[in-house]
N, C-alpha and C. Protein backbone atom coordinates (compact mmCIF):
# COMPACT_ATOMS: atom_id res chain seq x y z
N MET A 1 15.63 14.09 4.02
CA MET A 1 15.45 14.27 2.91
C MET A 1 14.26 13.34 2.00
N VAL A 2 12.78 13.90 1.79
CA VAL A 2 11.92 13.08 1.20
C VAL A 2 11.77 13.06 -0.39
N THR A 3 11.82 11.79 -0.49
CA THR A 3 11.46 11.14 -1.85
C THR A 3 10.39 10.94 -2.33
N ILE A 4 9.84 11.33 -2.94
CA ILE A 4 8.29 11.02 -3.23
C ILE A 4 8.68 9.84 -4.86
N ILE A 5 8.22 8.83 -4.22
CA ILE A 5 8.43 7.57 -4.89
C ILE A 5 7.19 7.15 -5.63
N ALA A 6 5.95 7.13 -5.22
CA ALA A 6 4.57 6.67 -6.16
C ALA A 6 3.76 7.67 -5.45
N ARG A 7 2.79 7.65 -6.43
CA ARG A 7 1.10 8.31 -6.00
C ARG A 7 0.23 6.99 -6.04
N VAL A 8 -0.10 6.95 -4.74
CA VAL A 8 -1.21 5.68 -4.53
C VAL A 8 -1.92 6.28 -4.20
N GLN A 9 -3.03 5.62 -4.95
CA GLN A 9 -4.53 5.80 -5.20
C GLN A 9 -5.30 4.38 -4.97
N THR A 10 -5.25 3.59 -4.75
CA THR A 10 -5.46 2.23 -5.05
C THR A 10 -4.82 1.02 -3.67
N PRO A 11 -5.73 0.41 -3.56
CA PRO A 11 -4.87 -0.68 -2.97
C PRO A 11 -4.17 -1.46 -3.55
N TYR A 12 -4.08 -1.81 -4.91
CA TYR A 12 -3.23 -2.26 -5.89
C TYR A 12 -1.98 -1.38 -6.07
N GLU A 13 -1.83 -0.46 -6.17
CA GLU A 13 -1.00 0.58 -6.36
C GLU A 13 -0.15 0.34 -5.05
N LEU A 14 -0.71 0.65 -4.03
CA LEU A 14 0.27 0.80 -2.97
C LEU A 14 0.66 -0.87 -2.41
N GLY A 15 0.12 -1.95 -2.88
CA GLY A 15 1.03 -3.29 -3.01
C GLY A 15 1.95 -3.33 -3.78
N ARG A 16 1.64 -2.88 -4.82
CA ARG A 16 3.15 -2.65 -6.19
C ARG A 16 4.06 -1.62 -5.09
N VAL A 17 3.91 -0.64 -4.62
CA VAL A 17 4.87 -0.17 -4.12
C VAL A 17 5.68 -0.77 -3.11
N VAL A 18 4.93 -1.77 -2.02
CA VAL A 18 5.39 -2.48 -1.09
C VAL A 18 6.43 -3.44 -1.92
N ARG A 19 5.66 -4.19 -2.60
CA ARG A 19 6.33 -5.18 -3.32
C ARG A 19 7.88 -4.90 -3.91
N ASP A 20 7.98 -3.51 -4.65
CA ASP A 20 8.80 -3.25 -5.53
C ASP A 20 9.93 -3.04 -4.22
N ARG A 21 9.50 -2.30 -3.67
CA ARG A 21 10.32 -1.84 -2.34
C ARG A 21 11.26 -2.90 -1.46
N ARG A 22 10.33 -4.26 -1.10
CA ARG A 22 11.00 -5.25 -0.62
C ARG A 22 11.68 -5.93 -1.65
N ARG A 23 11.35 -5.77 -2.78
CA ARG A 23 12.54 -6.57 -3.84
C ARG A 23 13.66 -5.57 -3.32
N ARG A 24 13.84 -4.61 -3.86
CA ARG A 24 15.04 -3.27 -3.77
C ARG A 24 15.97 -3.78 -2.71
N LEU A 25 15.22 -3.71 -1.63
CA LEU A 25 16.19 -4.10 -0.32
C LEU A 25 16.47 -5.36 -0.13
N GLY A 26 16.26 -6.37 -1.08
CA GLY A 26 16.31 -7.82 -1.47
C GLY A 26 15.87 -8.73 -0.06
N LEU A 27 15.13 -8.15 0.37
CA LEU A 27 13.84 -8.57 1.88
C LEU A 27 12.98 -9.75 0.73
N THR A 28 12.61 -11.18 1.73
CA THR A 28 11.73 -11.87 1.33
C THR A 28 10.23 -11.33 2.10
N GLN A 29 9.20 -11.92 1.30
CA GLN A 29 7.76 -11.47 2.34
C GLN A 29 8.16 -12.34 3.39
N ASP A 30 8.47 -13.52 3.77
CA ASP A 30 8.53 -14.16 4.99
C ASP A 30 9.42 -13.33 6.25
N GLY A 31 10.32 -12.77 5.42
CA GLY A 31 11.29 -12.06 6.43
C GLY A 31 10.74 -10.36 6.95
N VAL A 32 10.05 -9.79 5.98
CA VAL A 32 8.93 -8.74 6.23
C VAL A 32 8.02 -9.28 6.90
N ALA A 33 7.55 -10.12 7.12
CA ALA A 33 6.37 -10.58 7.59
C ALA A 33 6.61 -10.91 8.96
N ARG A 34 7.66 -11.30 9.31
CA ARG A 34 8.38 -11.69 10.66
C ARG A 34 8.79 -10.31 11.36
N ARG A 35 9.39 -9.38 10.85
CA ARG A 35 9.44 -7.96 11.51
C ARG A 35 7.97 -7.48 11.69
N VAL A 36 7.07 -7.31 10.88
CA VAL A 36 5.63 -6.45 10.89
C VAL A 36 5.01 -7.64 12.26
N GLY A 37 5.17 -8.94 12.30
CA GLY A 37 4.32 -9.50 13.17
C GLY A 37 3.19 -9.98 12.31
N VAL A 38 3.53 -10.43 11.04
CA VAL A 38 2.25 -11.29 10.51
C VAL A 38 2.69 -11.95 9.80
N SER A 39 1.63 -12.72 9.18
CA SER A 39 1.89 -14.13 8.24
C SER A 39 2.36 -13.48 6.99
N ARG A 40 3.07 -14.98 6.15
CA ARG A 40 3.69 -14.49 4.55
C ARG A 40 2.28 -14.55 3.92
N GLN A 41 1.21 -15.01 4.36
CA GLN A 41 -0.17 -14.97 3.45
C GLN A 41 -0.56 -13.29 3.35
N TRP A 42 -0.47 -12.83 4.83
CA TRP A 42 -1.09 -11.07 4.83
C TRP A 42 0.16 -10.28 4.20
N MET A 43 1.63 -10.48 4.01
CA MET A 43 2.34 -9.68 2.93
C MET A 43 1.72 -9.95 1.55
N ILE A 44 1.23 -11.31 1.38
CA ILE A 44 0.62 -11.60 -0.24
C ILE A 44 -0.31 -10.73 -0.24
N SER A 45 -1.32 -10.97 0.57
CA SER A 45 -2.08 -9.90 0.51
C SER A 45 -2.10 -8.70 0.10
N LEU A 46 -1.51 -8.31 0.92
CA LEU A 46 -0.97 -6.25 1.05
C LEU A 46 -0.53 -6.46 -0.39
N GLU A 47 0.82 -7.34 -0.87
CA GLU A 47 0.84 -7.14 -2.14
C GLU A 47 0.14 -7.18 -3.40
N THR A 48 -1.04 -7.78 -3.27
CA THR A 48 -1.78 -8.17 -4.55
C THR A 48 -2.86 -7.16 -4.75
N GLY A 49 -2.75 -6.53 -3.41
CA GLY A 49 -3.98 -5.02 -3.38
C GLY A 49 -5.12 -5.28 -2.98
N ARG A 50 -5.02 -6.41 -1.94
CA ARG A 50 -6.39 -6.79 -1.04
C ARG A 50 -6.51 -5.52 -0.42
N ALA A 51 -8.11 -5.21 -0.57
CA ALA A 51 -8.11 -3.97 0.44
C ALA A 51 -8.66 -3.96 1.80
N ARG A 52 -8.79 -5.22 2.13
CA ARG A 52 -9.34 -5.53 3.76
C ARG A 52 -8.19 -5.81 4.68
N LEU A 53 -7.38 -4.56 4.75
CA LEU A 53 -6.13 -4.85 5.70
C LEU A 53 -6.23 -4.31 6.37
N GLU A 54 -5.69 -4.45 7.82
CA GLU A 54 -5.97 -3.95 9.38
C GLU A 54 -4.60 -2.46 8.89
N PHE A 55 -5.52 -1.28 9.01
CA PHE A 55 -4.49 -0.08 8.54
C PHE A 55 -3.45 -0.04 9.35
N GLY A 56 -3.28 -0.12 10.67
CA GLY A 56 -2.20 0.05 11.39
C GLY A 56 -1.25 -1.08 10.94
N LEU A 57 -1.64 -2.27 10.81
CA LEU A 57 -0.54 -3.07 10.19
C LEU A 57 0.07 -2.92 8.80
N VAL A 58 -0.56 -2.16 8.05
CA VAL A 58 -0.32 -1.88 6.69
C VAL A 58 0.72 -0.42 7.14
N LEU A 59 0.57 0.35 8.05
CA LEU A 59 1.47 1.31 8.39
C LEU A 59 2.95 0.68 8.94
N ARG A 60 2.64 -0.39 9.90
CA ARG A 60 3.88 -0.95 10.40
C ARG A 60 4.34 -1.57 9.24
N THR A 61 4.29 -2.11 8.60
CA THR A 61 4.56 -2.78 7.14
C THR A 61 5.74 -1.64 6.29
N LEU A 62 4.92 -0.44 6.22
CA LEU A 62 5.67 0.83 5.62
C LEU A 62 6.94 0.94 6.16
N SER A 63 6.73 1.23 7.25
CA SER A 63 7.95 1.61 8.30
C SER A 63 8.84 0.73 7.93
N ALA A 64 8.60 -0.57 8.45
CA ALA A 64 9.63 -2.01 8.08
C ALA A 64 10.35 -1.76 7.09
N LEU A 65 9.59 -1.21 5.95
CA LEU A 65 10.34 -1.17 4.70
C LEU A 65 11.34 0.40 4.36
N GLY A 66 11.10 1.23 5.64
CA GLY A 66 11.55 2.63 5.48
C GLY A 66 11.15 3.49 4.72
N LEU A 67 9.44 3.18 4.67
CA LEU A 67 8.40 3.81 3.85
C LEU A 67 7.55 5.00 4.67
N ALA A 68 6.94 6.08 4.47
CA ALA A 68 6.51 6.63 5.39
C ALA A 68 5.04 7.08 4.07
N LEU A 69 4.11 7.29 5.17
CA LEU A 69 2.98 7.90 4.21
C LEU A 69 2.43 9.18 4.82
N ASP A 70 2.53 9.89 3.44
CA ASP A 70 1.96 11.34 3.38
C ASP A 70 1.06 11.62 2.96
N LEU A 71 0.51 12.67 3.15
CA LEU A 71 -1.12 12.87 2.85
C LEU A 71 -0.87 14.43 2.11
N VAL A 72 -1.20 14.22 0.44
CA VAL A 72 -1.24 15.57 0.09
C VAL A 72 -2.40 16.45 -0.60
N GLU A 73 -3.15 17.50 -0.42
CA GLU A 73 -4.22 17.71 -1.11
C GLU A 73 -3.81 17.79 -2.99
N ASP A 74 -5.11 17.03 -3.04
CA ASP A 74 -5.08 16.49 -4.52
C ASP A 74 -5.68 17.73 -4.88
N GLN A 75 -5.39 18.17 -6.26
CA GLN A 75 -5.88 19.39 -6.71
C GLN A 75 -7.62 18.92 -7.87
N ALA A 76 -7.29 18.06 -7.91
CA ALA A 76 -8.59 17.53 -8.68
C ALA A 76 -9.66 17.54 -8.18
N GLU A 77 -11.03 17.17 -8.47
CA GLU A 77 -12.37 17.34 -8.08
C GLU A 77 -12.58 16.48 -7.18
N PRO A 78 -12.75 16.76 -5.72
CA PRO A 78 -12.85 15.83 -4.47
C PRO A 78 -13.96 14.95 -4.71
N THR A 79 -13.56 13.52 -4.16
CA THR A 79 -14.58 12.21 -4.94
C THR A 79 -16.03 12.23 -4.41
N ALA A 80 -16.11 13.03 -3.41
CA ALA A 80 -17.40 12.74 -2.72
C ALA A 80 -18.29 13.89 -3.69
N THR A 81 -17.54 14.55 -4.70
CA THR A 81 -19.00 14.96 -5.30
C THR A 81 -19.09 14.86 -6.35
N ARG A 82 -18.25 13.78 -7.17
CA ARG A 82 -18.51 12.91 -8.32
C ARG A 82 -19.10 11.08 -8.03
N ASP A 83 -19.45 10.83 -8.95
CA ASP A 83 -19.68 9.22 -8.80
C ASP A 83 -18.54 8.56 -9.20
N ILE A 84 -18.46 7.48 -7.83
CA ILE A 84 -17.04 6.70 -8.42
C ILE A 84 -17.80 5.03 -8.06
N ASP A 85 -16.98 3.78 -8.62
CA ASP A 85 -17.37 2.52 -8.49
C ASP A 85 -16.45 2.24 -7.38
N LEU A 86 -17.08 1.90 -6.54
CA LEU A 86 -16.54 1.24 -5.08
C LEU A 86 -15.69 -0.11 -5.69
N ASP A 87 -16.55 -0.92 -6.06
CA ASP A 87 -15.97 -2.43 -6.60
C ASP A 87 -14.80 -1.96 -7.49
N ALA A 88 -14.94 -0.99 -8.65
CA ALA A 88 -13.78 -1.12 -8.98
C ALA A 88 -12.78 -0.33 -8.27
N LEU A 89 -12.70 0.30 -7.40
CA LEU A 89 -11.61 1.30 -6.49
C LEU A 89 -10.91 0.10 -5.73
N ILE A 90 -11.78 -0.54 -5.31
CA ILE A 90 -11.27 -1.26 -4.33
C ILE A 90 -10.48 -2.61 -5.21
N LYS A 91 -10.76 -2.80 -6.23
CA LYS A 91 -10.17 -3.75 -6.93
C LYS A 91 -8.85 -3.13 -7.98
N GLY A 92 -8.78 -1.83 -7.88
CA GLY A 92 -7.88 -1.27 -8.09
C GLY A 92 -7.76 -0.76 -9.49
N ARG A 93 -8.86 -0.67 -10.15
CA ARG A 93 -8.86 -0.23 -11.34
C ARG A 93 -9.47 1.39 -11.81
N SER A 94 -9.68 1.90 -10.43
CA SER A 94 -10.43 2.87 -10.68
C SER A 94 -9.20 3.85 -11.31
């Protein structure tokens, strides 16, 4: 069974989902970090929305928390045809 728990469009939103899931499972940042093979500081970076993390490690973290990444086609206008503020997007304010 697939349950959609969040719509994620920014690194900040992904970090919030990871943090909320970890807490719901009763896990510590250090515990998840050891499972994934990263440092606690790396987990903090992910949970606070740092945009420049290795994608493979992000996927491994999601898997360690029992989460999967599914991509769906957005009905909105593709971002390639409209102006975007990359700085705001990276900071999670887009």
